[in-house]
C-alpha atoms as a PDB file:
ATOM      1  CA  UNK A   1       6.215-129.823 -71.755  1.00  0.00           C
ATOM      2  CA  UNK A   2       5.587-126.154 -72.512  1.00  0.00           C
ATOM      3  CA  UNK A   3       6.085-125.144 -76.156  1.00  0.00           C
ATOM      4  CA  UNK A   4       8.764-122.649 -75.091  1.00  0.00           C
ATOM      5  CA  UNK A   5      10.906-123.485 -72.094  1.00  0.00           C
ATOM      6  CA  UNK A   6      11.795-120.294 -70.218  1.00  0.00           C
ATOM      7  CA  UNK A   7      12.374-119.400 -66.573  1.00  0.00           C
ATOM      8  CA  UNK A   8       9.055-117.527 -66.477  1.00  0.00           C
ATOM      9  CA  UNK A   9       7.266-120.664 -67.728  1.00  0.00           C
ATOM     10  CA  UNK A  10       8.441-122.453 -64.606  1.00  0.00           C
ATOM     11  CA  UNK A  11       8.137-119.630 -62.061  1.00  0.00           C
ATOM     12  CA  UNK A  12       4.349-119.919 -62.096  1.00  0.00           C
ATOM     13  CA  UNK A  13       4.753-123.526 -60.913  1.00  0.00           C
ATOM     14  CA  UNK A  14       6.913-122.803 -57.844  1.00  0.00           C
ATOM     15  CA  UNK A  15       5.404-124.566 -54.841  1.00  0.00           C
ATOM     16  CA  UNK A  16       3.510-127.075 -56.987  1.00  0.00           C
ATOM     17  CA  UNK A  17       3.948-130.816 -56.845  1.00  0.00           C
ATOM     18  CA  UNK A  18       5.169-132.944 -59.730  1.00  0.00           C
ATOM     19  CA  UNK A  19       4.319-136.650 -59.514  1.00  0.00           C
ATOM     20  CA  UNK A  20       7.271-138.936 -60.261  1.00  0.00           C
ATOM     21  CA  UNK A  21       5.953-141.613 -62.639  1.00  0.00           C
ATOM     22  CA  UNK A  22       9.070-143.794 -62.944  1.00  0.00           C
ATOM     23  CA  UNK A  23       7.928-146.481 -60.522  1.00  0.00           C
ATOM     24  CA  UNK A  24       4.127-146.958 -60.187  1.00  0.00           C
ATOM     25  CA  UNK A  25       4.609-149.128 -57.075  1.00  0.00           C
ATOM     26  CA  UNK A  26       6.306-146.246 -55.230  1.00  0.00           C
ATOM     27  CA  UNK A  27       4.504-143.064 -56.239  1.00  0.00           C
ATOM     28  CA  UNK A  28       5.716-139.821 -54.709  1.00  0.00           C
ATOM     29  CA  UNK A  29       6.075-136.172 -55.663  1.00  0.00           C
ATOM     30  CA  UNK A  30       8.719-133.511 -56.003  1.00  0.00           C
ATOM     31  CA  UNK A  31       7.957-129.868 -55.255  1.00  0.00           C
ATOM     32  CA  UNK A  32       9.424-127.144 -57.444  1.00  0.00           C
ATOM     33  CA  UNK A  33      11.078-124.839 -54.903  1.00  0.00           C
ATOM     34  CA  UNK A  34      12.812-122.212 -57.010  1.00  0.00           C
ATOM     35  CA  UNK A  35      14.128-121.184 -60.406  1.00  0.00           C
ATOM     36  CA  UNK A  36      17.602-119.675 -60.795  1.00  0.00           C
ATOM     37  CA  UNK A  37      18.615-117.770 -63.908  1.00  0.00           C
ATOM     38  CA  UNK A  38      22.289-118.010 -64.881  1.00  0.00           C
ATOM     39  CA  UNK A  39      24.335-115.788 -67.151  1.00  0.00           C
ATOM     40  CA  UNK A  40      22.278-114.943 -70.245  1.00  0.00           C
ATOM     41  CA  UNK A  41      23.000-113.152 -73.491  1.00  0.00           C
ATOM     42  CA  UNK A  42      21.101-112.303 -76.656  1.00  0.00           C
ATOM     43  CA  UNK A  43      22.017-115.719 -78.064  1.00  0.00           C
ATOM     44  CA  UNK A  44      21.967-117.893 -74.947  1.00  0.00           C
ATOM     45  CA  UNK A  45      19.723-118.518 -71.960  1.00  0.00           C
ATOM     46  CA  UNK A  46      20.608-120.774 -69.031  1.00  0.00           C
ATOM     47  CA  UNK A  47      18.613-121.544 -65.892  1.00  0.00           C
ATOM     48  CA  UNK A  48      18.139-124.199 -63.237  1.00  0.00           C
ATOM     49  CA  UNK A  49      15.059-125.686 -61.620  1.00  0.00           C
ATOM     50  CA  UNK A  50      15.301-126.923 -58.045  1.00  0.00           C
ATOM     51  CA  UNK A  51      12.964-129.567 -56.662  1.00  0.00           C
ATOM     52  CA  UNK A  52      12.512-130.923 -53.139  1.00  0.00           C
ATOM     53  CA  UNK A  53      11.711-134.595 -52.619  1.00  0.00           C
ATOM     54  CA  UNK A  54      10.959-136.762 -49.580  1.00  0.00           C
ATOM     55  CA  UNK A  55      13.717-138.384 -47.582  1.00  0.00           C
ATOM     56  CA  UNK A  56      12.151-141.851 -47.997  1.00  0.00           C
ATOM     57  CA  UNK A  57      12.885-141.909 -51.736  1.00  0.00           C
ATOM     58  CA  UNK A  58      16.141-140.887 -53.397  1.00  0.00           C
ATOM     59  CA  UNK A  59      16.140-140.537 -57.150  1.00  0.00           C
ATOM     60  CA  UNK A  60      19.337-141.397 -58.958  1.00  0.00           C
ATOM     61  CA  UNK A  61      20.844-138.955 -61.429  1.00  0.00           C
ATOM     62  CA  UNK A  62      19.128-139.384 -64.758  1.00  0.00           C
ATOM     63  CA  UNK A  63      16.005-138.808 -66.795  1.00  0.00           C
ATOM     64  CA  UNK A  64      12.789-139.046 -64.802  1.00  0.00           C
ATOM     65  CA  UNK A  65       9.184-138.836 -65.945  1.00  0.00           C
ATOM     66  CA  UNK A  66       7.173-136.132 -64.129  1.00  0.00           C
ATOM     67  CA  UNK A  67       3.551-135.006 -64.296  1.00  0.00           C
ATOM     68  CA  UNK A  68       2.043-131.797 -62.956  1.00  0.00           C
ATOM     69  CA  UNK A  69      -1.694-131.118 -63.092  1.00  0.00           C
ATOM     70  CA  UNK A  70      -1.358-127.991 -65.255  1.00  0.00           C
ATOM     71  CA  UNK A  71       1.380-129.301 -67.556  1.00  0.00           C
ATOM     72  CA  UNK A  72       1.860-132.194 -69.923  1.00  0.00           C
ATOM     73  CA  UNK A  73       3.880-135.196 -68.803  1.00  0.00           C
ATOM     74  CA  UNK A  74       7.586-134.505 -69.238  1.00  0.00           C
ATOM     75  CA  UNK A  75      10.907-136.251 -69.017  1.00  0.00           C
ATOM     76  CA  UNK A  76      13.568-134.217 -67.273  1.00  0.00           C
ATOM     77  CA  UNK A  77      17.201-134.877 -66.336  1.00  0.00           C
ATOM     78  CA  UNK A  78      17.522-134.507 -62.557  1.00  0.00           C
ATOM     79  CA  UNK A  79      20.654-134.518 -60.433  1.00  0.00           C
ATOM     80  CA  UNK A  80      20.560-134.946 -56.644  1.00  0.00           C
ATOM     81  CA  UNK A  81      22.456-131.936 -55.257  1.00  0.00           C
ATOM     82  CA  UNK A  82      21.713-131.979 -51.554  1.00  0.00           C
ATOM     83  CA  UNK A  83      20.158-133.725 -48.591  1.00  0.00           C
ATOM     84  CA  UNK A  84      18.982-132.597 -45.187  1.00  0.00           C
ATOM     85  CA  UNK A  85      16.706-133.965 -42.459  1.00  0.00           C
ATOM     86  CA  UNK A  86      13.608-133.172 -44.556  1.00  0.00           C
ATOM     87  CA  UNK A  87      14.645-134.837 -47.800  1.00  0.00           C
ATOM     88  CA  UNK A  88      16.576-134.506 -51.030  1.00  0.00           C
ATOM     89  CA  UNK A  89      17.093-131.557 -53.362  1.00  0.00           C
ATOM     90  CA  UNK A  90      17.369-132.049 -57.125  1.00  0.00           C
ATOM     91  CA  UNK A  91      18.493-129.736 -59.916  1.00  0.00           C
ATOM     92  CA  UNK A  92      17.616-129.658 -63.606  1.00  0.00           C
ATOM     93  CA  UNK A  93      19.747-127.373 -65.804  1.00  0.00           C
ATOM     94  CA  UNK A  94      18.488-125.874 -69.067  1.00  0.00           C
ATOM     95  CA  UNK A  95      20.693-124.265 -71.717  1.00  0.00           C
ATOM     96  CA  UNK A  96      18.925-122.718 -74.704  1.00  0.00           C
ATOM     97  CA  UNK A  97      20.351-121.243 -77.864  1.00  0.00           C
ATOM     98  CA  UNK A  98      18.063-118.358 -78.772  1.00  0.00           C
ATOM     99  CA  UNK A  99      17.166-117.753 -82.382  1.00  0.00           C
ATOM    100  CA  UNK A 100      18.254-114.371 -83.684  1.00  0.00           C
END
């Protein structure tokens, strides 16, 4: 995981695949599709990451282990938020208290 988690940290990874390592017998990837910044202040930063996954595999809501070639392995809380003919969409929400 990056030392400092910020929206800009993730924006450089849009379009990249993250291998889901939870079940070695059913390996597949999620693609980071976009990053959405929410209301921020001098003391607080909030943003969401959205991932797209295949329709053959649906992850349940919870912590999942992901690996991307340019990042360390990370555990991230994902929530399925949508489905269409191409697959599932997942969201991870980050809320950070900024040091003053």
